[in-house]
Protein backbone atom coordinates (compact mmCIF):
# COMPACT_ATOMS: atom_id res chain seq x y z
CA MET A 1 -0.09 20.91 44.32
CA LYS A 2 3.07 21.84 42.47
CA HIS A 3 3.11 18.45 40.83
CA ASN A 4 -0.48 18.90 39.60
CA GLN A 5 0.30 22.39 38.32
CA LEU A 6 3.33 21.13 36.45
CA SER A 7 1.28 18.27 34.99
CA MET A 8 -1.45 20.65 33.83
CA ALA A 9 1.15 22.98 32.30
CA PHE A 10 2.78 20.06 30.50
CA VAL A 11 -0.60 18.88 29.13
CA GLY A 12 -1.36 22.41 27.96
CA ILE A 13 1.97 22.72 26.17
CA MET A 14 1.55 19.31 24.51
CA GLY A 15 -2.00 20.21 23.52
CA ARG A 16 -0.76 23.34 21.76
CA HIS A 17 1.91 21.30 19.96
CA VAL A 18 -0.70 18.76 18.80
CA VAL A 19 -2.98 21.54 17.52
CA LYS A 20 -0.03 23.14 15.75
CA PHE A 21 1.03 19.80 14.23
CA LYS A 22 -2.49 19.11 12.97
CA ALA A 23 -2.68 22.61 11.49
CA ILE A 24 0.52 21.87 9.57
CA GLN A 25 -1.02 18.63 8.30
CA TYR A 26 -4.11 20.40 6.97
CA VAL A 27 -1.97 23.02 5.23
CA VAL A 28 0.06 20.23 3.61
CA ALA A 29 -3.17 18.47 2.58
CA ALA A 30 -4.56 21.60 0.95
CA ALA A 31 -1.29 22.25 -0.89
CA ALA A 32 -1.07 18.63 -2.10
CA ALA A 33 -4.67 18.61 -3.30
CA ALA A 34 -4.24 21.94 -5.12
CA ALA A 35 -1.05 20.76 -6.80
CA LEU A 36 -2.69 17.50 -7.87
CA VAL A 37 -5.72 19.26 -9.34
CA CYS A 38 -3.51 21.71 -11.23
CA ALA A 39 -1.27 18.95 -12.57
CA LEU A 40 -3.86 16.32 -13.56
CA PRO A 41 -4.83 17.91 -16.90
CA SER A 42 -1.31 17.29 -18.18
CA ARG A 43 -0.85 14.13 -20.20
CA ALA A 44 2.11 13.05 -18.10
CA VAL A 45 3.55 10.07 -16.34
CA ALA A 46 6.82 9.40 -14.55
CA GLN A 47 9.05 6.59 -13.47
CA ASP A 48 9.34 4.06 -10.69
CA ASP A 49 11.62 5.35 -7.97
CA GLN A 50 14.01 2.49 -8.66
CA GLN A 51 14.23 2.93 -12.44
CA PRO A 52 14.90 5.99 -14.58
CA ALA A 53 12.63 5.88 -17.63
CA GLU A 54 11.34 8.12 -20.39
CA HIS A 55 8.17 9.97 -19.52
CA HIS A 56 6.05 12.81 -20.81
CA HIS A 57 6.27 16.17 -19.08
CA HIS A 58 4.13 19.25 -18.84
CA VAL A 59 6.46 22.28 -18.67
CA GLU A 60 4.99 25.61 -17.72
CA PRO A 61 6.28 28.65 -19.67
CA SER A 62 9.24 30.43 -18.02
CA SER A 63 9.48 27.68 -15.43
CA THR A 64 12.20 25.11 -14.80
CA TRP A 65 9.80 22.78 -12.99
CA THR A 66 8.60 19.63 -14.76
CA TRP A 67 5.25 18.23 -13.58
CA SER A 68 4.08 14.63 -13.77
CA THR A 69 0.93 12.97 -12.48
CA ASP A 70 -0.58 9.54 -12.03
CA ALA A 71 -3.75 8.14 -10.48
CA ASN A 72 -5.78 4.96 -10.18
CA VAL A 73 -9.45 4.68 -9.22
CA LEU A 74 -11.36 1.41 -8.78
CA ALA A 75 -15.01 1.69 -7.75
CA GLY A 76 -17.60 -1.06 -7.57
CA TYR A 77 -19.19 -4.00 -5.78
CA ASN A 78 -17.33 -6.46 -3.52
CA TYR A 79 -18.95 -9.75 -2.44
CA GLN A 80 -17.29 -12.16 0.02
CA ASP A 81 -18.95 -15.52 0.71
CA ARG A 82 -17.92 -17.86 3.51
CA ARG A 83 -19.58 -20.23 5.95
CA PHE A 84 -21.83 -18.57 8.57
CA ALA A 85 -21.38 -15.08 7.09
CA ASP A 86 -21.22 -13.36 3.75
CA PHE A 87 -20.39 -9.70 3.28
CA TRP A 88 -20.90 -7.23 0.49
CA ALA A 89 -19.73 -3.66 0.03
CA TRP A 90 -19.88 -0.69 -2.31
CA GLU A 91 -16.44 0.83 -2.19
CA SER A 92 -13.60 2.54 -4.03
CA GLN A 93 -9.87 1.92 -3.88
CA ASN A 94 -8.10 5.05 -5.15
CA TRP A 95 -5.01 7.21 -5.10
CA GLY A 96 -3.57 10.21 -6.91
CA MET A 97 0.04 11.39 -7.20
CA VAL A 98 1.87 14.48 -8.36
CA MET A 99 5.60 14.95 -8.88
CA ALA A 100 7.63 18.07 -9.62
CA GLU A 101 11.24 17.99 -10.82
CA ARG A 102 13.87 20.59 -11.60
CA PRO A 103 17.66 20.82 -12.00
CA LEU A 104 19.40 21.96 -8.84
CA GLY A 105 23.14 22.41 -8.67
CA ALA A 106 24.91 19.37 -10.07
CA GLY A 107 21.84 17.15 -9.70
CA ARG A 108 18.06 17.04 -9.88
CA LEU A 109 15.51 17.71 -7.16
CA THR A 110 12.22 15.80 -7.09
CA LEU A 111 9.22 16.65 -4.89
CA ASN A 112 6.34 14.20 -4.65
CA GLY A 113 2.94 13.91 -3.02
CA MET A 114 0.32 11.18 -2.90
CA ILE A 115 -3.17 11.18 -1.41
CA SER A 116 -6.08 8.75 -1.17
CA LEU A 117 -9.78 9.24 -0.49
CA GLU A 118 -10.15 5.74 0.94
CA PRO A 119 -10.90 7.04 4.47
CA TRP A 120 -14.26 8.10 2.97
CA THR A 121 -14.74 5.48 0.22
CA ILE A 122 -13.92 2.22 2.05
CA GLY A 123 -15.75 0.72 5.02
CA ARG A 124 -18.80 2.99 4.83
CA LEU A 125 -21.27 0.84 2.85
CA VAL A 126 -20.53 -2.65 4.16
CA TYR A 127 -23.32 -5.12 4.86
CA ALA A 128 -23.48 -8.67 6.21
CA HIS A 129 -26.08 -11.34 5.59
CA GLY A 130 -26.81 -13.60 8.55
CA ILE A 131 -29.60 -15.70 9.98
CA ASP A 132 -31.76 -12.66 10.68
CA GLY A 133 -31.32 -11.16 7.23
CA PRO A 134 -29.27 -8.23 5.96
CA GLU A 135 -27.83 -5.92 8.58
CA ARG A 136 -25.25 -3.19 8.74
CA VAL A 137 -21.84 -4.38 9.94
CA TYR A 138 -20.93 -2.69 13.22
CA ALA A 139 -18.16 -2.90 15.78
CA PHE A 140 -18.12 -1.40 19.26
CA ASP A 141 -15.59 1.18 20.38
CA SER A 142 -14.17 1.54 23.90
CA PHE A 143 -17.25 3.56 24.98
CA GLY A 144 -19.69 0.87 23.83
CA ARG A 145 -20.86 2.93 20.85
CA GLN A 146 -21.64 1.25 17.53
CA GLN A 147 -19.33 2.22 14.70
CA PRO A 148 -19.38 1.04 11.08
CA ILE A 149 -16.64 -1.45 10.25
CA GLY A 150 -13.48 0.21 9.00
CA GLY A 151 -12.36 -1.79 6.00
CA SER A 152 -12.95 -3.62 2.76
CA PRO A 153 -14.25 -7.19 3.28
CA GLN A 154 -11.61 -9.76 2.30
CA ALA A 155 -11.37 -13.30 3.65
CA PHE A 156 -8.18 -14.03 5.64
CA GLN A 157 -6.79 -10.51 5.27
CA THR A 158 -4.99 -9.24 8.37
CA GLY A 159 -2.82 -6.29 9.35
CA GLU A 160 -3.19 -3.14 11.46
CA SER A 161 -6.14 -2.46 13.77
CA TYR A 162 -9.55 -0.82 13.98
CA LEU A 163 -11.43 0.30 17.12
CA GLY A 164 -8.73 -1.16 19.33
CA SER A 165 -8.66 -4.66 17.84
CA PRO A 166 -6.60 -6.37 15.14
CA ILE A 167 -8.29 -6.40 11.74
CA ILE A 168 -9.28 -9.87 10.49
CA ASN A 169 -11.10 -10.56 7.20
CA PHE A 170 -10.90 -6.89 6.19
CA GLN A 171 -8.36 -4.72 4.36
CA HIS A 172 -7.96 -1.37 6.06
CA PRO A 173 -8.43 1.90 4.13
CA HIS A 174 -5.17 3.67 3.35
CA ASP A 175 -4.30 7.02 4.89
CA LEU A 176 -5.26 10.33 3.30
CA PHE A 177 -1.54 11.18 3.11
CA MET A 178 0.18 8.33 1.31
CA GLY A 179 3.35 10.17 0.34
CA ILE A 180 5.05 13.52 1.00
CA GLY A 181 8.77 13.77 0.32
CA ALA A 182 11.78 15.07 -1.55
CA LYS A 183 14.61 13.33 -3.40
CA TYR A 184 17.92 14.56 -4.78
CA ASN A 185 19.83 12.66 -7.50
CA PHE A 186 23.35 13.41 -8.67
CA THR A 187 26.19 11.67 -10.53
CA VAL A 188 29.87 11.49 -9.69
CA GLY A 189 31.94 9.69 -12.27
CA ALA A 190 30.41 6.29 -13.03
CA LEU A 191 28.27 6.26 -9.89
CA LYS A 192 24.78 7.66 -9.37
CA TYR A 193 23.72 8.81 -5.92
CA ALA A 194 20.34 9.57 -4.38
CA VAL A 195 19.29 11.02 -1.03
CA GLU A 196 15.61 11.02 -0.05
CA ALA A 197 13.65 12.29 2.95
CA ASP A 198 9.93 11.64 3.38
CA LEU A 199 7.43 12.92 5.92
CA VAL A 200 5.39 9.97 4.61
CA GLY A 201 7.07 7.51 2.30
CA SER A 202 8.40 4.05 1.59
CA PRO A 203 11.74 2.73 2.86
CA ALA A 204 14.07 0.48 0.88
CA LEU A 205 12.23 -2.72 1.80
CA GLY A 206 10.32 -5.06 -0.49
CA PRO A 207 9.27 -4.86 -4.13
CA THR A 208 7.30 -1.97 -5.61
CA VAL A 209 4.08 -1.78 -3.60
CA TYR A 210 1.15 -3.72 -5.10
CA MET A 211 -0.94 -0.68 -6.03
CA HIS A 212 1.89 0.62 -8.24
CA ARG A 213 2.98 -2.66 -9.78
CA GLU A 214 1.70 -2.98 -13.33
CA SER A 215 1.18 -6.67 -12.59
CA GLY A 216 -1.27 -5.86 -9.77
CA ARG A 217 -2.64 -2.42 -10.52
CA ASP A 218 -5.94 -3.61 -12.02
CA ASN A 219 -6.73 -5.86 -9.04
CA PRO A 220 -8.97 -4.15 -6.43
CA SER A 221 -7.85 -6.51 -3.62
CA ALA A 222 -4.72 -6.12 -1.56
CA PRO A 223 -2.52 -9.24 -1.57
CA LEU A 224 -2.76 -11.51 1.48
CA THR A 225 1.04 -11.22 1.49
CA HIS A 226 0.92 -7.41 1.75
CA HIS A 227 2.24 -7.44 5.32
CA TYR A 228 4.98 -9.86 4.32
CA LEU A 229 6.27 -7.81 1.38
CA ASP A 230 5.38 -4.13 1.05
CA SER A 231 3.27 -2.92 3.99
CA THR A 232 5.82 -0.21 4.87
CA HIS A 233 4.79 1.90 1.86
CA ILE A 234 3.02 4.48 4.06
CA THR A 235 5.63 5.13 6.73
CA PRO A 236 5.66 8.40 8.70
CA GLY A 237 9.31 9.33 8.62
CA VAL A 238 11.83 7.83 6.16
CA VAL A 239 15.42 8.76 5.26
CA THR A 240 17.01 6.81 2.40
CA GLY A 241 20.38 6.90 0.68
CA GLY A 242 21.33 5.01 -2.47
CA VAL A 243 24.19 4.45 -4.88
CA GLY A 244 23.88 2.91 -8.33
CA ALA A 245 26.39 1.47 -10.78
CA GLY A 246 25.25 0.11 -14.14
CA PRO A 247 22.22 -2.15 -13.62
CA MET A 248 22.70 -2.32 -9.84
CA LEU A 249 21.25 -0.07 -7.15
CA PHE A 250 22.02 -0.34 -3.42
CA GLU A 251 19.86 1.49 -0.89
CA ALA A 252 19.57 1.78 2.88
CA SER A 253 16.86 3.43 4.98
CA VAL A 254 16.09 4.41 8.54
CA PHE A 255 12.42 4.84 9.33
CA ARG A 256 9.57 4.43 11.81
CA GLY A 257 8.76 0.75 12.22
CA GLU A 258 5.28 1.22 13.68
CA GLU A 259 2.30 0.96 11.32
CA PRO A 260 0.05 4.03 10.88
CA ASP A 261 -2.56 4.41 13.59
CA GLU A 262 -6.34 4.16 13.18
CA ASP A 263 -6.74 7.87 12.44
CA ARG A 264 -6.54 7.82 8.64
CA LEU A 265 -6.50 11.63 8.33
CA ASN A 266 -3.42 12.47 10.37
CA ILE A 267 0.33 12.00 10.05
CA GLU A 268 2.04 10.24 12.95
CA ARG A 269 5.18 11.77 14.39
CA PRO A 270 8.27 10.46 12.57
CA LYS A 271 10.74 8.19 14.35
CA LEU A 272 13.94 6.64 13.07
CA ASP A 273 13.88 3.43 15.12
CA SER A 274 14.05 0.84 12.31
CA TRP A 275 16.30 0.13 9.34
CA SER A 276 16.36 -1.69 6.00
CA ALA A 277 18.63 -2.36 3.03
CA ARG A 278 17.84 -3.37 -0.54
CA ALA A 279 19.81 -4.44 -3.62
CA THR A 280 18.05 -4.03 -6.97
CA TRP A 281 19.05 -5.21 -10.45
CA ARG A 282 17.41 -3.97 -13.65
CA HIS A 283 18.01 -4.94 -17.24
CA GLY A 284 15.56 -4.16 -20.04
CA PRO A 285 12.09 -5.35 -19.00
CA TRP A 286 13.48 -7.39 -16.09
CA ASP A 287 14.08 -6.39 -12.49
CA ALA A 288 14.95 -8.23 -9.30
CA GLN A 289 15.43 -7.18 -5.69
CA PHE A 290 16.48 -8.65 -2.38
CA SER A 291 15.88 -6.71 0.81
CA GLY A 292 15.78 -7.06 4.54
CA GLY A 293 14.90 -4.90 7.49
CA HIS A 294 14.33 -4.72 11.20
CA LEU A 295 10.95 -3.21 12.18
CA HIS A 296 10.56 -1.91 15.72
CA VAL A 297 7.14 -3.00 17.08
CA PRO A 298 5.11 -2.62 13.86
CA GLU A 299 1.82 -3.62 15.57
CA TRP A 300 0.85 -2.20 18.97
CA PHE A 301 -1.38 -5.19 19.80
CA GLU A 302 1.62 -7.56 19.68
CA PRO A 303 4.53 -5.41 20.87
CA THR A 304 7.53 -7.24 19.47
CA ASP A 305 10.13 -6.42 16.83
CA VAL A 306 9.92 -8.09 13.42
CA THR A 307 12.70 -9.01 11.00
CA ARG A 308 11.48 -9.02 7.39
CA LEU A 309 13.18 -10.55 4.36
CA THR A 310 11.88 -10.22 0.80
CA ALA A 311 12.94 -11.20 -2.70
CA SER A 312 11.20 -10.66 -6.03
CA ILE A 313 11.59 -10.89 -9.80
CA GLY A 314 9.51 -8.74 -12.14
CA PHE A 315 8.93 -8.49 -15.87
CA ASN A 316 7.35 -5.48 -17.57
CA GLY A 317 7.56 -6.03 -21.31
CA ALA A 318 5.71 -7.95 -23.98
CA ILE A 319 5.16 -11.42 -25.34
CA GLY A 320 5.07 -10.84 -29.06
CA ARG A 321 2.88 -7.77 -29.38
CA ARG A 322 0.98 -8.36 -26.17
CA PRO A 323 2.15 -6.28 -23.17
CA LEU A 324 2.75 -8.40 -20.09
CA ALA A 325 3.59 -7.40 -16.52
CA ALA A 326 4.39 -10.16 -14.03
CA THR A 327 5.84 -10.41 -10.53
CA VAL A 328 6.98 -13.35 -8.44
CA ALA A 329 7.81 -12.57 -4.80
CA TRP A 330 8.63 -14.13 -1.45
CA GLY A 331 8.45 -12.51 1.95
CA GLN A 332 9.18 -13.74 5.45
CA ASN A 333 8.42 -12.24 8.87
CA ARG A 334 10.50 -13.44 11.81
CA GLU A 335 9.23 -12.77 15.32
CA LEU A 336 9.27 -14.52 18.71
CA GLY A 337 11.19 -17.45 17.27
CA PHE A 338 8.74 -18.08 14.41
CA ALA A 339 9.31 -17.59 10.68
CA LEU A 340 6.17 -17.02 8.58
CA ASP A 341 6.50 -17.22 4.80
CA GLY A 342 4.34 -15.75 2.06
CA TYR A 343 4.59 -16.40 -1.69
CA LEU A 344 3.01 -14.37 -4.49
CA ALA A 345 2.72 -14.61 -8.27
CA GLU A 346 0.66 -12.04 -10.18
CA TRP A 347 0.25 -10.96 -13.80
CA ASP A 348 -1.55 -8.56 -16.11
CA LEU A 349 -1.68 -9.48 -19.81
CA ARG A 350 -3.01 -7.15 -22.52
CA LEU A 351 -4.69 -9.47 -25.02
CA SER A 352 -5.66 -6.61 -27.30
CA PRO A 353 -6.00 -2.81 -27.05
CA ALA A 354 -9.43 -3.32 -25.46
CA ASN A 355 -9.04 -6.54 -23.43
CA SER A 356 -6.82 -7.51 -20.52
CA ILE A 357 -6.71 -10.41 -18.10
CA TYR A 358 -5.06 -10.31 -14.69
CA GLY A 359 -4.53 -12.74 -11.87
CA ARG A 360 -2.84 -13.42 -8.58
CA GLY A 361 -1.86 -16.64 -6.83
CA GLU A 362 -0.74 -16.67 -3.20
CA SER A 363 0.32 -19.10 -0.50
CA VAL A 364 0.81 -17.78 3.01
CA LEU A 365 1.10 -19.01 6.58
CA LYS A 366 -0.95 -16.76 8.90
CA GLU A 367 -2.23 -16.53 12.43
CA ILE A 368 -6.03 -16.24 12.18
CA PHE A 369 -7.55 -17.74 15.34
CA GLY A 370 -4.89 -16.58 17.80
CA LEU A 371 -4.69 -13.00 16.54
CA GLY A 372 -5.55 -10.60 19.34
CA VAL A 373 -4.23 -8.07 21.84
CA HIS A 374 -1.22 -9.47 23.70
CA PRO A 375 0.54 -7.13 26.15
CA ALA A 376 4.34 -7.21 26.31
CA GLY A 377 4.34 -9.57 29.30
CA LEU A 378 2.05 -12.08 27.60
CA LEU A 379 3.80 -12.62 24.29
CA ASN A 380 4.56 -16.29 24.93
CA HIS A 381 0.97 -17.33 24.25
CA PRO A 382 0.29 -20.42 22.13
CA ARG A 383 0.49 -19.68 18.41
CA ASN A 384 -1.87 -21.26 15.89
CA PHE A 385 -0.85 -20.85 12.27
CA SER A 386 -3.03 -21.68 9.27
CA GLN A 387 -2.09 -22.30 5.65
CA ILE A 388 -4.03 -20.23 3.12
CA ASN A 389 -3.84 -20.52 -0.67
CA ALA A 390 -5.74 -18.08 -2.89
CA LEU A 391 -6.21 -17.69 -6.63
CA THR A 392 -7.74 -14.64 -8.36
CA VAL A 393 -8.57 -14.38 -12.07
CA GLY A 394 -9.97 -11.14 -13.54
CA TYR A 395 -10.84 -9.40 -16.79
CA ILE A 396 -10.81 -5.73 -17.88
CA ARG A 397 -12.64 -4.30 -20.91
CA GLU A 398 -11.56 -0.83 -22.00
CA LEU A 399 -14.47 1.56 -22.61
CA SER A 400 -12.70 3.71 -25.18
CA PHE A 401 -15.92 5.39 -26.34
CA PHE A 402 -16.05 7.17 -22.95
CA GLY A 403 -12.47 8.40 -23.27
CA PRO A 404 -9.01 6.98 -22.47
CA GLY A 405 -8.32 5.23 -19.21
CA LEU A 406 -11.84 4.02 -18.39
CA GLY A 407 -12.60 0.32 -18.20
CA ILE A 408 -15.01 -2.16 -16.64
CA GLY A 409 -13.74 -5.24 -14.85
CA ALA A 410 -14.66 -8.29 -12.83
CA ASP A 411 -12.79 -10.99 -10.95
CA VAL A 412 -13.33 -14.08 -8.83
CA THR A 413 -11.18 -15.45 -6.00
CA VAL A 414 -11.19 -19.00 -4.62
CA TYR A 415 -9.38 -20.33 -1.56
CA ASP A 416 -7.87 -23.58 -0.33
CA THR A 417 -6.96 -23.72 3.36
CA SER A 418 -5.61 -26.00 6.05
CA GLN A 419 -8.20 -28.15 7.79
CA ASP A 420 -8.41 -25.98 10.92
CA LEU A 421 -10.09 -23.19 8.91
CA VAL A 422 -12.61 -25.35 7.05
CA GLU A 423 -15.01 -25.74 10.00
CA TYR A 424 -15.38 -21.97 10.37
CA TYR A 425 -14.86 -20.72 6.81
CA GLY A 426 -15.99 -23.61 4.62
CA SER A 427 -14.83 -23.02 1.04
CA PRO A 428 -14.94 -19.22 0.75
CA HIS A 429 -14.99 -17.36 -2.53
CA SER A 430 -15.43 -13.76 -3.61
CA TYR A 431 -15.95 -11.58 -6.63
CA HIS A 432 -15.72 -7.95 -7.69
CA VAL A 433 -17.47 -5.96 -10.40
CA PHE A 434 -16.03 -2.48 -10.86
CA LEU A 435 -15.13 0.49 -13.00
CA ARG A 436 -11.46 1.42 -13.32
CA TRP A 437 -10.11 4.83 -14.32
CA ARG A 438 -6.60 6.15 -14.74
CA PRO A 439 -5.34 9.25 -16.59
CA ASN A 440 -3.72 7.42 -19.51
CA ARG A 441 -4.00 3.64 -19.81
CA SER A 442 -1.91 3.53 -22.99
CA VAL A 443 1.32 4.46 -21.19
CA PRO A 444 2.61 1.57 -19.03
CA SER A 445 4.92 3.47 -16.69
CA HIS A 446 3.78 5.44 -13.67
CA ILE A 447 4.95 7.56 -10.79
CA HIS A 448 6.28 5.75 -7.79
C-alpha cells in the first residue's frame, strides 16, 4: 500500500512538473512570435554565427538593442514518382528568425529565436496513387487509429521517427521551436571569445545547416546527407565555447545527442550527454570547416552511440558579376563497427537580377531495407546498405512586380541506385513547383 501511495505521489509530482514545463514552453512561444512579428517590418539581416559580417539594423529610439530578422518560405506542389507508388503533396517549408543584440560590459550580448510552422504545413495534404486510384496516405498508431503521414514525400530520405516507426521516403517536419538561445562575445588582446547557451540550438558540428546555406536555401528538399552532416541543428540543450584568432575559429560543445521526439510542438528536456568540436577557417568569400562529435543514442529505434565526422568547403562570392554560392561537404557516421559516408555538392548561381539556377548532387550509403526498430539486445542484426546517387537541378524567377523577395521556382530530381533498390524503386524521379518568399532577396547574408 505504501509503495502504491508513493508511486501515485511521484506520478502526481511529475505530472505537475510536466504541466509547468509545457506552460513555460507556450510562454516562450508567444514571446518569440511577438518579437518576430514586431521585428519583421525592419529591413534587416544579420550574420552567420561563424562569421562576423556587415548587416543592416533597425534601432529603436532610446534603446541600445539592435534588431535583425530573417525568414524563408517555400510553398507549392511536390511530386515523387517511383515503382509501385507515386506520392504528391501540397506543402510549405518555412522558418522565421529574430535576433537582438546590445553591448554588455566588455562584450556584446546576442539573443536569438527561430520558429517554424512546418508542424501544420507539412504532412497534412499528402496523397498516394496506387492500383485502386488516389487515396489519402495513412499510417496506424499504437492504438490502431489511422493518422495522416507525418512528412514531406522524398525518395530514400531517412531520419527520426513517426508513429513509433523510423521514417523512410519522407522528410519529417521541423519543430515549432527551432532555436532559442543567448550568446556573449568579447575580445581579449588578439583573441576573440564566445560563450553560447541554447535551450534549442545547434552545436559545433557540421557545416551551416542546409536551410541557411545560400547554396541550398532555394531548394525545398532536405539533402539525403542531412543526417550525415547537419541534423543536430535543432538540439534541445547546447552549451558552446569558442576562441578565434585571425581567420581561424575553434569551438567545442556539449549537448543532447538524442534527436527531437515526434511531438513537434514541445521542447525536450536538455541533457549534456554528447560532445563535439569544430575548427573553421574563413577568408574573403571562402570558408572551410572540419568537425567531429560523439552522439549519445541519437535514434531511439536503434539505441547505439554514433561518432560523426564532417568536412566542408564553401564559397559565397561572385563569378564576374554573377553571385555564386557553393558548398562541397563530406560526412561520415560510425556505429556498430560500420562507417557510412555521404557526399554533397550544391550551388546557387544568380544569372541575372531576375533569374537563378540551383542544384544539388549527392552520393550516400544508406540502410533502407533493414531500417526498423531494434532493441538494445538485438543490435547485431544483419545490415543491408544501399548506394544512392541523386541530382537536382532547379530554377527561380524573381517576381519583382509583386515586391522584393518573391519568386517562382521549379526543380527536378533524378536518382541512380545500387541494384538491390531497382526492383522495388525502379528509376524514381521527382519535381517541385513552388513560390518562394524571403524578406529581402537582394541581401545575400542572413541570420544563423
